[in-house]
Amino acid sequence: MAERAAARRYAAAFLSLADELGQVDQLGRDLETALKVARADDGVLLKVLSNPVFTSDERRTVLDALLPQLGLQPMTVNLLKLMTDRGRFGALPELVEIYHQQSDELAGRLRVQVTTADPLSDALENDIKAALEKATGKQVVLDTSIDASLIGGLVARVEGRVYDASVKNRLEALKHRLITGQVAEA
């Protein structure tokens, strides 16, 4: 719980500064880069920089050796150093999540996760995006993934709600009706 509260404070402060500089999206990409590197190789960097067994100086030395290679903005570098010095680097995943939520809200964007059995064509992706934008009145950013077990159709996650229009879900519903003896009315 303390990590989540710290992540929320850091994200809010960082977003406020990013907004003042007009760099909200660019600094968001920086955070994504830092998180990707921290989670690489089974999250070893995230574990090391979050582990109190290592001294603050040891953790800072590791971070100082890595940061120049990432090409991050100075503000992002300062944030990561601050989090490391204060023993809050473990809050980075939640900070990135909260930052994106708040920056999307600030920009009037809606992030939607869409999972399909096969990759979406560009035309179908644009159709889904347009339909969601019309329904929500917001700019939609699609995060797509593949799950072959869906067989067909799609599953969309929008603002915490799940819309399951997959063949797998329909087959499960049909199986349930057959087992329980429920007959759908025509």
N, C-alpha and C. Protein backbone atom coordinates (compact mmCIF):
# COMPACT_ATOMS: atom_id res chain seq x y z
N MET A 1 0.82 -1.19 0.00
CA MET A 1 0.00 0.00 0.00
C MET A 1 0.87 1.26 0.00
N ALA A 2 1.96 1.23 0.77
CA ALA A 2 2.85 2.39 0.84
C ALA A 2 3.49 2.65 -0.52
N GLU A 3 3.83 1.57 -1.25
CA GLU A 3 4.42 1.73 -2.58
C GLU A 3 3.42 2.41 -3.53
N ARG A 4 2.18 2.01 -3.45
CA ARG A 4 1.15 2.59 -4.33
C ARG A 4 0.96 4.08 -4.02
N ALA A 5 0.95 4.43 -2.74
CA ALA A 5 0.80 5.83 -2.35
C ALA A 5 2.00 6.64 -2.82
N ALA A 6 3.19 6.08 -2.66
CA ALA A 6 4.40 6.77 -3.12
C ALA A 6 4.36 6.93 -4.64
N ALA A 7 3.97 5.88 -5.33
CA ALA A 7 3.89 5.92 -6.80
C ALA A 7 2.91 6.99 -7.25
N ARG A 8 1.81 7.11 -6.55
CA ARG A 8 0.80 8.12 -6.91
C ARG A 8 1.36 9.54 -6.73
N ARG A 9 2.09 9.76 -5.63
CA ARG A 9 2.68 11.09 -5.39
C ARG A 9 3.73 11.42 -6.44
N TYR A 10 4.63 10.47 -6.70
CA TYR A 10 5.67 10.70 -7.70
C TYR A 10 5.06 10.93 -9.09
N ALA A 11 4.06 10.14 -9.44
CA ALA A 11 3.43 10.27 -10.76
C ALA A 11 2.76 11.62 -10.91
N ALA A 12 2.05 12.04 -9.88
CA ALA A 12 1.35 13.34 -9.95
C ALA A 12 2.34 14.49 -10.08
N ALA A 13 3.41 14.46 -9.32
CA ALA A 13 4.41 15.53 -9.39
C ALA A 13 5.11 15.52 -10.75
N PHE A 14 5.46 14.34 -11.22
CA PHE A 14 6.16 14.23 -12.50
C PHE A 14 5.26 14.68 -13.65
N LEU A 15 3.99 14.30 -13.60
CA LEU A 15 3.05 14.71 -14.64
C LEU A 15 2.85 16.22 -14.63
N SER A 16 2.77 16.79 -13.46
CA SER A 16 2.60 18.24 -13.36
C SER A 16 3.78 18.97 -14.02
N LEU A 17 4.99 18.52 -13.74
CA LEU A 17 6.17 19.14 -14.36
C LEU A 17 6.21 18.88 -15.86
N ALA A 18 5.87 17.66 -16.26
CA ALA A 18 5.86 17.31 -17.68
C ALA A 18 4.86 18.17 -18.44
N ASP A 19 3.70 18.40 -17.82
CA ASP A 19 2.67 19.22 -18.45
C ASP A 19 3.14 20.67 -18.60
N GLU A 20 3.81 21.19 -17.57
CA GLU A 20 4.34 22.55 -17.64
C GLU A 20 5.35 22.70 -18.78
N LEU A 21 6.13 21.65 -19.02
CA LEU A 21 7.14 21.67 -20.07
C LEU A 21 6.58 21.28 -21.44
N GLY A 22 5.33 20.82 -21.47
CA GLY A 22 4.75 20.36 -22.73
C GLY A 22 5.37 19.07 -23.23
N GLN A 23 5.80 18.22 -22.30
CA GLN A 23 6.49 16.97 -22.65
C GLN A 23 5.81 15.74 -22.04
N VAL A 24 4.52 15.78 -21.88
CA VAL A 24 3.81 14.69 -21.21
C VAL A 24 4.04 13.36 -21.93
N ASP A 25 3.83 13.32 -23.23
CA ASP A 25 3.98 12.06 -23.96
C ASP A 25 5.43 11.61 -24.05
N GLN A 26 6.34 12.54 -24.27
CA GLN A 26 7.75 12.20 -24.38
C GLN A 26 8.28 11.63 -23.06
N LEU A 27 7.94 12.24 -21.95
CA LEU A 27 8.40 11.74 -20.66
C LEU A 27 7.69 10.43 -20.30
N GLY A 28 6.48 10.25 -20.78
CA GLY A 28 5.79 8.96 -20.60
C GLY A 28 6.54 7.85 -21.33
N ARG A 29 7.03 8.15 -22.54
CA ARG A 29 7.83 7.16 -23.27
C ARG A 29 9.14 6.88 -22.54
N ASP A 30 9.73 7.90 -21.94
CA ASP A 30 10.93 7.70 -21.13
C ASP A 30 10.67 6.73 -19.98
N LEU A 31 9.55 6.93 -19.31
CA LEU A 31 9.20 6.04 -18.20
C LEU A 31 9.02 4.61 -18.69
N GLU A 32 8.38 4.45 -19.86
CA GLU A 32 8.20 3.12 -20.44
C GLU A 32 9.56 2.47 -20.73
N THR A 33 10.49 3.24 -21.27
CA THR A 33 11.83 2.73 -21.56
C THR A 33 12.51 2.27 -20.27
N ALA A 34 12.46 3.11 -19.24
CA ALA A 34 13.08 2.77 -17.96
C ALA A 34 12.45 1.50 -17.38
N LEU A 35 11.14 1.39 -17.46
CA LEU A 35 10.47 0.22 -16.91
C LEU A 35 10.82 -1.04 -17.71
N LYS A 36 10.88 -0.91 -19.02
CA LYS A 36 11.24 -2.05 -19.86
C LYS A 36 12.63 -2.57 -19.51
N VAL A 37 13.58 -1.66 -19.33
CA VAL A 37 14.94 -2.05 -18.96
C VAL A 37 14.95 -2.66 -17.56
N ALA A 38 14.20 -2.08 -16.63
CA ALA A 38 14.15 -2.59 -15.26
C ALA A 38 13.55 -3.99 -15.18
N ARG A 39 12.61 -4.29 -16.08
CA ARG A 39 11.96 -5.60 -16.07
C ARG A 39 12.68 -6.64 -16.92
N ALA A 40 13.68 -6.21 -17.71
CA ALA A 40 14.40 -7.14 -18.58
C ALA A 40 15.14 -8.19 -17.74
N ASP A 41 15.43 -9.30 -18.36
CA ASP A 41 16.15 -10.39 -17.69
C ASP A 41 15.52 -10.77 -16.36
N ASP A 42 14.23 -11.01 -16.40
CA ASP A 42 13.47 -11.45 -15.23
C ASP A 42 13.43 -10.40 -14.12
N GLY A 43 13.54 -9.13 -14.52
CA GLY A 43 13.41 -8.04 -13.57
C GLY A 43 14.58 -7.86 -12.62
N VAL A 44 15.76 -8.30 -13.04
CA VAL A 44 16.92 -8.25 -12.15
C VAL A 44 17.26 -6.82 -11.72
N LEU A 45 17.20 -5.86 -12.63
CA LEU A 45 17.52 -4.48 -12.27
C LEU A 45 16.50 -3.92 -11.28
N LEU A 46 15.24 -4.19 -11.51
CA LEU A 46 14.19 -3.74 -10.60
C LEU A 46 14.41 -4.33 -9.21
N LYS A 47 14.79 -5.60 -9.16
CA LYS A 47 15.04 -6.26 -7.87
C LYS A 47 16.25 -5.67 -7.17
N VAL A 48 17.33 -5.43 -7.92
CA VAL A 48 18.55 -4.89 -7.32
C VAL A 48 18.32 -3.48 -6.80
N LEU A 49 17.70 -2.62 -7.62
CA LEU A 49 17.52 -1.23 -7.22
C LEU A 49 16.43 -1.06 -6.16
N SER A 50 15.67 -2.11 -5.90
CA SER A 50 14.63 -2.06 -4.87
C SER A 50 15.06 -2.75 -3.58
N ASN A 51 16.18 -3.45 -3.63
CA ASN A 51 16.61 -4.29 -2.51
C ASN A 51 17.38 -3.49 -1.47
N PRO A 52 16.87 -3.43 -0.23
CA PRO A 52 17.55 -2.67 0.82
C PRO A 52 18.85 -3.33 1.30
N VAL A 53 19.12 -4.55 0.86
CA VAL A 53 20.38 -5.21 1.20
C VAL A 53 21.55 -4.43 0.62
N PHE A 54 21.34 -3.85 -0.56
CA PHE A 54 22.37 -3.03 -1.19
C PHE A 54 22.29 -1.62 -0.62
N THR A 55 23.45 -1.02 -0.41
CA THR A 55 23.46 0.34 0.12
C THR A 55 22.94 1.30 -0.93
N SER A 56 22.57 2.47 -0.48
CA SER A 56 22.09 3.50 -1.40
C SER A 56 23.17 3.84 -2.42
N ASP A 57 24.42 3.89 -1.96
CA ASP A 57 25.54 4.19 -2.87
C ASP A 57 25.71 3.10 -3.92
N GLU A 58 25.56 1.84 -3.53
CA GLU A 58 25.68 0.73 -4.49
C GLU A 58 24.58 0.79 -5.54
N ARG A 59 23.38 1.03 -5.08
CA ARG A 59 22.25 1.12 -6.02
C ARG A 59 22.44 2.31 -6.95
N ARG A 60 22.90 3.43 -6.41
CA ARG A 60 23.11 4.63 -7.22
C ARG A 60 24.21 4.41 -8.25
N THR A 61 25.26 3.66 -7.89
CA THR A 61 26.35 3.36 -8.81
C THR A 61 25.84 2.56 -10.00
N VAL A 62 24.99 1.58 -9.72
CA VAL A 62 24.40 0.77 -10.80
C VAL A 62 23.57 1.66 -11.72
N LEU A 63 22.74 2.49 -11.12
CA LEU A 63 21.87 3.37 -11.90
C LEU A 63 22.68 4.37 -12.72
N ASP A 64 23.70 4.95 -12.10
CA ASP A 64 24.54 5.92 -12.81
C ASP A 64 25.27 5.31 -13.99
N ALA A 65 25.61 4.04 -13.89
CA ALA A 65 26.28 3.36 -15.01
C ALA A 65 25.31 3.06 -16.14
N LEU A 66 24.06 2.86 -15.82
CA LEU A 66 23.07 2.46 -16.82
C LEU A 66 22.41 3.65 -17.53
N LEU A 67 22.08 4.69 -16.80
CA LEU A 67 21.26 5.78 -17.33
C LEU A 67 21.80 6.45 -18.59
N PRO A 68 23.10 6.72 -18.71
CA PRO A 68 23.58 7.38 -19.94
C PRO A 68 23.30 6.57 -21.20
N GLN A 69 23.18 5.28 -21.08
CA GLN A 69 22.94 4.42 -22.24
C GLN A 69 21.49 4.47 -22.73
N LEU A 70 20.59 4.98 -21.90
CA LEU A 70 19.16 4.93 -22.24
C LEU A 70 18.67 6.14 -23.01
N GLY A 71 19.41 7.23 -23.00
CA GLY A 71 19.01 8.42 -23.74
C GLY A 71 17.74 9.07 -23.21
N LEU A 72 17.58 9.07 -21.91
CA LEU A 72 16.39 9.65 -21.29
C LEU A 72 16.55 11.15 -21.09
N GLN A 73 15.43 11.83 -20.99
CA GLN A 73 15.42 13.26 -20.70
C GLN A 73 15.97 13.49 -19.29
N PRO A 74 16.64 14.62 -19.06
CA PRO A 74 17.20 14.89 -17.72
C PRO A 74 16.17 14.81 -16.60
N MET A 75 14.95 15.22 -16.86
CA MET A 75 13.92 15.16 -15.82
C MET A 75 13.62 13.72 -15.41
N THR A 76 13.60 12.82 -16.39
CA THR A 76 13.35 11.41 -16.09
C THR A 76 14.53 10.83 -15.33
N VAL A 77 15.72 11.17 -15.74
CA VAL A 77 16.93 10.71 -15.04
C VAL A 77 16.88 11.16 -13.57
N ASN A 78 16.53 12.41 -13.35
CA ASN A 78 16.44 12.93 -11.98
C ASN A 78 15.39 12.18 -11.16
N LEU A 79 14.26 11.89 -11.77
CA LEU A 79 13.22 11.14 -11.07
C LEU A 79 13.72 9.76 -10.65
N LEU A 80 14.36 9.06 -11.58
CA LEU A 80 14.85 7.71 -11.28
C LEU A 80 15.92 7.74 -10.18
N LYS A 81 16.79 8.74 -10.21
CA LYS A 81 17.81 8.89 -9.17
C LYS A 81 17.17 9.18 -7.82
N LEU A 82 16.18 10.07 -7.82
CA LEU A 82 15.47 10.40 -6.59
C LEU A 82 14.80 9.16 -5.99
N MET A 83 14.12 8.41 -6.84
CA MET A 83 13.44 7.21 -6.37
C MET A 83 14.44 6.20 -5.80
N THR A 84 15.58 6.08 -6.45
CA THR A 84 16.61 5.15 -5.97
C THR A 84 17.17 5.62 -4.64
N ASP A 85 17.49 6.90 -4.54
CA ASP A 85 18.05 7.46 -3.30
C ASP A 85 17.09 7.33 -2.13
N ARG A 86 15.81 7.45 -2.41
CA ARG A 86 14.80 7.38 -1.35
C ARG A 86 14.27 5.96 -1.10
N GLY A 87 14.85 4.99 -1.80
CA GLY A 87 14.42 3.61 -1.60
C GLY A 87 13.05 3.32 -2.17
N ARG A 88 12.66 4.03 -3.23
CA ARG A 88 11.33 3.89 -3.82
C ARG A 88 11.36 3.36 -5.25
N PHE A 89 12.49 2.84 -5.69
CA PHE A 89 12.57 2.36 -7.07
C PHE A 89 11.57 1.24 -7.34
N GLY A 90 11.22 0.48 -6.33
CA GLY A 90 10.25 -0.61 -6.48
C GLY A 90 8.86 -0.12 -6.87
N ALA A 91 8.61 1.17 -6.71
CA ALA A 91 7.31 1.74 -7.07
C ALA A 91 7.24 2.11 -8.55
N LEU A 92 8.34 1.90 -9.29
CA LEU A 92 8.36 2.31 -10.70
C LEU A 92 7.23 1.70 -11.53
N PRO A 93 6.95 0.39 -11.45
CA PRO A 93 5.85 -0.15 -12.28
C PRO A 93 4.51 0.55 -12.01
N GLU A 94 4.21 0.77 -10.74
CA GLU A 94 2.94 1.44 -10.41
C GLU A 94 2.98 2.91 -10.82
N LEU A 95 4.12 3.55 -10.68
CA LEU A 95 4.26 4.94 -11.10
C LEU A 95 3.96 5.08 -12.58
N VAL A 96 4.51 4.18 -13.39
CA VAL A 96 4.29 4.24 -14.84
C VAL A 96 2.81 4.04 -15.16
N GLU A 97 2.20 3.08 -14.51
CA GLU A 97 0.77 2.83 -14.73
C GLU A 97 -0.07 4.06 -14.36
N ILE A 98 0.20 4.64 -13.20
CA ILE A 98 -0.56 5.80 -12.74
C ILE A 98 -0.30 7.01 -13.63
N TYR A 99 0.95 7.20 -14.03
CA TYR A 99 1.31 8.31 -14.92
C TYR A 99 0.51 8.22 -16.22
N HIS A 100 0.46 7.02 -16.80
CA HIS A 100 -0.30 6.85 -18.05
C HIS A 100 -1.79 7.12 -17.84
N GLN A 101 -2.33 6.63 -16.75
CA GLN A 101 -3.75 6.88 -16.48
C GLN A 101 -4.03 8.36 -16.37
N GLN A 102 -3.19 9.06 -15.61
CA GLN A 102 -3.41 10.49 -15.40
C GLN A 102 -3.13 11.30 -16.67
N SER A 103 -2.11 10.92 -17.42
CA SER A 103 -1.82 11.67 -18.65
C SER A 103 -2.89 11.42 -19.70
N ASP A 104 -3.44 10.20 -19.74
CA ASP A 104 -4.54 9.92 -20.66
C ASP A 104 -5.76 10.76 -20.29
N GLU A 105 -6.04 10.86 -19.01
CA GLU A 105 -7.18 11.65 -18.55
C GLU A 105 -6.97 13.12 -18.90
N LEU A 106 -5.76 13.61 -18.69
CA LEU A 106 -5.42 15.00 -19.00
C LEU A 106 -5.61 15.30 -20.49
N ALA A 107 -5.26 14.34 -21.34
CA ALA A 107 -5.34 14.53 -22.79
C ALA A 107 -6.69 14.11 -23.38
N GLY A 108 -7.59 13.57 -22.55
CA GLY A 108 -8.88 13.11 -23.06
C GLY A 108 -8.76 11.82 -23.85
N ARG A 109 -7.76 11.01 -23.50
CA ARG A 109 -7.54 9.73 -24.19
C ARG A 109 -8.10 8.59 -23.36
N LEU A 110 -8.41 7.52 -24.05
CA LEU A 110 -8.89 6.31 -23.41
C LEU A 110 -8.05 5.15 -23.92
N ARG A 111 -7.41 4.44 -23.02
CA ARG A 111 -6.57 3.31 -23.38
C ARG A 111 -7.43 2.04 -23.31
N VAL A 112 -7.48 1.31 -24.41
CA VAL A 112 -8.30 0.11 -24.50
C VAL A 112 -7.41 -1.08 -24.86
N GLN A 113 -7.53 -2.13 -24.08
CA GLN A 113 -6.79 -3.36 -24.38
C GLN A 113 -7.71 -4.27 -25.19
N VAL A 114 -7.22 -4.66 -26.36
CA VAL A 114 -7.99 -5.54 -27.23
C VAL A 114 -7.18 -6.81 -27.46
N THR A 115 -7.80 -7.95 -27.15
CA THR A 115 -7.15 -9.24 -27.36
C THR A 115 -7.94 -10.00 -28.41
N THR A 116 -7.23 -10.52 -29.41
CA THR A 116 -7.85 -11.28 -30.49
C THR A 116 -7.11 -12.58 -30.69
N ALA A 117 -7.74 -13.50 -31.42
CA ALA A 117 -7.12 -14.79 -31.70
C ALA A 117 -6.02 -14.65 -32.75
N ASP A 118 -6.19 -13.74 -33.68
CA ASP A 118 -5.23 -13.49 -34.75
C ASP A 118 -4.91 -12.00 -34.78
N PRO A 119 -3.78 -11.63 -35.36
CA PRO A 119 -3.46 -10.20 -35.46
C PRO A 119 -4.54 -9.44 -36.24
N LEU A 120 -4.83 -8.22 -35.79
CA LEU A 120 -5.82 -7.38 -36.46
C LEU A 120 -5.21 -6.75 -37.70
N SER A 121 -6.00 -6.69 -38.76
CA SER A 121 -5.55 -5.94 -39.94
C SER A 121 -5.63 -4.46 -39.59
N ASP A 122 -4.92 -3.64 -40.34
CA ASP A 122 -4.95 -2.21 -40.09
C ASP A 122 -6.37 -1.66 -40.23
N ALA A 123 -7.09 -2.16 -41.23
CA ALA A 123 -8.46 -1.68 -41.47
C ALA A 123 -9.38 -2.04 -40.29
N LEU A 124 -9.28 -3.27 -39.80
CA LEU A 124 -10.13 -3.69 -38.68
C LEU A 124 -9.75 -2.94 -37.41
N GLU A 125 -8.46 -2.72 -37.19
CA GLU A 125 -8.01 -1.97 -36.02
C GLU A 125 -8.57 -0.54 -36.07
N ASN A 126 -8.54 0.07 -37.25
CA ASN A 126 -9.10 1.42 -37.41
C ASN A 126 -10.60 1.43 -37.19
N ASP A 127 -11.31 0.39 -37.65
CA ASP A 127 -12.76 0.30 -37.44
C ASP A 127 -13.10 0.18 -35.96
N ILE A 128 -12.36 -0.66 -35.24
CA ILE A 128 -12.59 -0.85 -33.81
C ILE A 128 -12.33 0.46 -33.07
N LYS A 129 -11.23 1.10 -33.42
CA LYS A 129 -10.86 2.37 -32.79
C LYS A 129 -11.93 3.43 -33.05
N ALA A 130 -12.41 3.53 -34.29
CA ALA A 130 -13.43 4.52 -34.64
C ALA A 130 -14.72 4.26 -33.88
N ALA A 131 -15.12 3.00 -33.79
CA ALA A 131 -16.35 2.66 -33.07
C ALA A 131 -16.24 3.01 -31.59
N LEU A 132 -15.09 2.73 -30.99
CA LEU A 132 -14.90 3.04 -29.58
C LEU A 132 -14.84 4.55 -29.35
N GLU A 133 -14.22 5.28 -30.27
CA GLU A 133 -14.16 6.73 -30.15
C GLU A 133 -15.56 7.34 -30.25
N LYS A 134 -16.37 6.80 -31.14
CA LYS A 134 -17.74 7.29 -31.29
C LYS A 134 -18.56 7.00 -30.02
N ALA A 135 -18.37 5.80 -29.47
CA ALA A 135 -19.14 5.40 -28.29
C ALA A 135 -18.71 6.15 -27.02
N THR A 136 -17.43 6.48 -26.91
CA THR A 136 -16.93 7.10 -25.69
C THR A 136 -16.74 8.61 -25.79
N GLY A 137 -16.61 9.11 -27.01
CA GLY A 137 -16.35 10.53 -27.19
C GLY A 137 -14.92 10.92 -26.84
N LYS A 138 -14.03 9.94 -26.73
CA LYS A 138 -12.64 10.20 -26.40
C LYS A 138 -11.72 9.64 -27.48
N GLN A 139 -10.51 10.18 -27.51
CA GLN A 139 -9.48 9.62 -28.40
C GLN A 139 -9.08 8.26 -27.82
N VAL A 140 -9.08 7.23 -28.64
CA VAL A 140 -8.79 5.87 -28.17
C VAL A 140 -7.39 5.45 -28.60
N VAL A 141 -6.68 4.86 -27.65
CA VAL A 141 -5.37 4.27 -27.91
C VAL A 141 -5.54 2.77 -27.70
N LEU A 142 -5.34 1.99 -28.77
CA LEU A 142 -5.49 0.55 -28.67
C LEU A 142 -4.18 -0.12 -28.29
N ASP A 143 -4.24 -0.99 -27.30
CA ASP A 143 -3.14 -1.87 -26.94
C ASP A 143 -3.62 -3.27 -27.33
N THR A 144 -3.03 -3.83 -28.37
CA THR A 144 -3.49 -5.12 -28.87
C THR A 144 -2.59 -6.25 -28.43
N SER A 145 -3.19 -7.42 -28.25
CA SER A 145 -2.44 -8.63 -27.94
C SER A 145 -3.15 -9.81 -28.59
N ILE A 146 -2.44 -10.92 -28.65
CA ILE A 146 -2.95 -12.12 -29.31
C ILE A 146 -3.12 -13.24 -28.28
N ASP A 147 -4.24 -13.93 -28.34
CA ASP A 147 -4.50 -15.10 -27.52
C ASP A 147 -5.27 -16.10 -28.39
N ALA A 148 -4.54 -17.08 -28.92
CA ALA A 148 -5.13 -18.04 -29.86
C ALA A 148 -6.28 -18.84 -29.24
N SER A 149 -6.32 -18.94 -27.90
CA SER A 149 -7.39 -19.72 -27.26
C SER A 149 -8.77 -19.07 -27.44
N LEU A 150 -8.82 -17.81 -27.87
CA LEU A 150 -10.11 -17.15 -28.09
C LEU A 150 -10.84 -17.70 -29.31
N ILE A 151 -10.13 -18.37 -30.18
CA ILE A 151 -10.62 -18.99 -31.41
C ILE A 151 -10.98 -17.93 -32.46
N GLY A 152 -11.74 -16.94 -32.08
CA GLY A 152 -12.14 -15.86 -32.98
C GLY A 152 -12.78 -14.76 -32.16
N GLY A 153 -13.14 -13.67 -32.80
CA GLY A 153 -13.75 -12.55 -32.08
C GLY A 153 -12.70 -11.76 -31.32
N LEU A 154 -13.15 -11.05 -30.27
CA LEU A 154 -12.21 -10.25 -29.49
C LEU A 154 -12.71 -10.04 -28.07
N VAL A 155 -11.78 -9.65 -27.21
CA VAL A 155 -12.08 -9.25 -25.85
C VAL A 155 -11.51 -7.85 -25.69
N ALA A 156 -12.35 -6.91 -25.25
CA ALA A 156 -11.91 -5.53 -25.06
C ALA A 156 -12.05 -5.16 -23.58
N ARG A 157 -11.02 -4.53 -23.06
CA ARG A 157 -11.03 -4.03 -21.69
C ARG A 157 -11.03 -2.50 -21.77
N VAL A 158 -12.14 -1.90 -21.30
CA VAL A 158 -12.33 -0.46 -21.39
C VAL A 158 -12.67 0.06 -20.00
N GLU A 159 -11.80 0.90 -19.46
CA GLU A 159 -12.04 1.52 -18.15
C GLU A 159 -12.50 0.51 -17.10
N GLY A 160 -11.80 -0.60 -17.00
CA GLY A 160 -12.11 -1.60 -15.99
C GLY A 160 -13.24 -2.55 -16.34
N ARG A 161 -13.90 -2.33 -17.46
CA ARG A 161 -14.98 -3.23 -17.89
C ARG A 161 -14.47 -4.14 -18.99
N VAL A 162 -14.96 -5.37 -19.01
CA VAL A 162 -14.54 -6.34 -20.01
C VAL A 162 -15.72 -6.65 -20.92
N TYR A 163 -15.48 -6.53 -22.22
CA TYR A 163 -16.49 -6.87 -23.23
C TYR A 163 -15.93 -8.07 -23.99
N ASP A 164 -16.57 -9.22 -23.78
CA ASP A 164 -16.06 -10.46 -24.35
C ASP A 164 -16.96 -10.90 -25.50
N ALA A 165 -16.47 -10.70 -26.71
CA ALA A 165 -17.18 -11.12 -27.92
C ALA A 165 -16.36 -12.18 -28.64
N SER A 166 -15.76 -13.08 -27.84
CA SER A 166 -14.93 -14.12 -28.42
C SER A 166 -15.75 -15.38 -28.70
N VAL A 167 -15.29 -16.17 -29.64
CA VAL A 167 -15.93 -17.44 -29.95
C VAL A 167 -15.81 -18.36 -28.74
N LYS A 168 -14.68 -18.31 -28.05
CA LYS A 168 -14.47 -19.13 -26.86
C LYS A 168 -15.57 -18.85 -25.82
N ASN A 169 -15.87 -17.58 -25.59
CA ASN A 169 -16.89 -17.21 -24.62
C ASN A 169 -18.27 -17.70 -25.06
N ARG A 170 -18.55 -17.57 -26.34
CA ARG A 170 -19.86 -18.03 -26.85
C ARG A 170 -19.99 -19.53 -26.74
N LEU A 171 -18.92 -20.27 -27.00
CA LEU A 171 -18.96 -21.72 -26.85
C LEU A 171 -19.14 -22.13 -25.39
N GLU A 172 -18.48 -21.41 -24.49
CA GLU A 172 -18.65 -21.69 -23.06
C GLU A 172 -20.10 -21.43 -22.63
N ALA A 173 -20.70 -20.35 -23.13
CA ALA A 173 -22.08 -20.04 -22.80
C ALA A 173 -23.03 -21.11 -23.34
N LEU A 174 -22.77 -21.56 -24.57
CA LEU A 174 -23.58 -22.62 -25.15
C LEU A 174 -23.44 -23.91 -24.36
N LYS A 175 -22.23 -24.24 -23.97
CA LYS A 175 -21.98 -25.44 -23.16
C LYS A 175 -22.76 -25.36 -21.86
N HIS A 176 -22.73 -24.19 -21.21
CA HIS A 176 -23.45 -23.99 -19.95
C HIS A 176 -24.95 -24.19 -20.14
N ARG A 177 -25.49 -23.61 -21.23
CA ARG A 177 -26.93 -23.76 -21.49
C ARG A 177 -27.29 -25.21 -21.76
N LEU A 178 -26.45 -25.93 -22.47
CA LEU A 178 -26.73 -27.35 -22.75
C LEU A 178 -26.68 -28.18 -21.48
N ILE A 179 -25.72 -27.89 -20.61
CA ILE A 179 -25.59 -28.66 -19.38
C ILE A 179 -26.74 -28.37 -18.43
N THR A 180 -27.15 -27.12 -18.33
CA THR A 180 -28.20 -26.75 -17.38
C THR A 180 -29.61 -26.90 -17.97
N GLY A 181 -29.69 -27.19 -19.25
CA GLY A 181 -30.98 -27.39 -19.88
C GLY A 181 -31.68 -26.11 -20.25
N GLN A 182 -30.99 -25.00 -20.21
CA GLN A 182 -31.61 -23.73 -20.59
C GLN A 182 -31.63 -23.64 -22.11
N VAL A 183 -32.76 -23.22 -22.62
CA VAL A 183 -32.91 -23.07 -24.07
C VAL A 183 -33.10 -21.60 -24.37
N ALA A 184 -32.30 -21.11 -25.27
CA ALA A 184 -32.41 -19.71 -25.67
C ALA A 184 -33.65 -19.51 -26.51
N GLU A 185 -34.37 -18.42 -26.24
CA GLU A 185 -35.55 -18.12 -27.04
C GLU A 185 -35.13 -17.45 -28.33
N ALA A 186 -35.83 -17.78 -29.40
CA ALA A 186 -35.50 -17.21 -30.72
C ALA A 186 -36.18 -15.90 -30.94
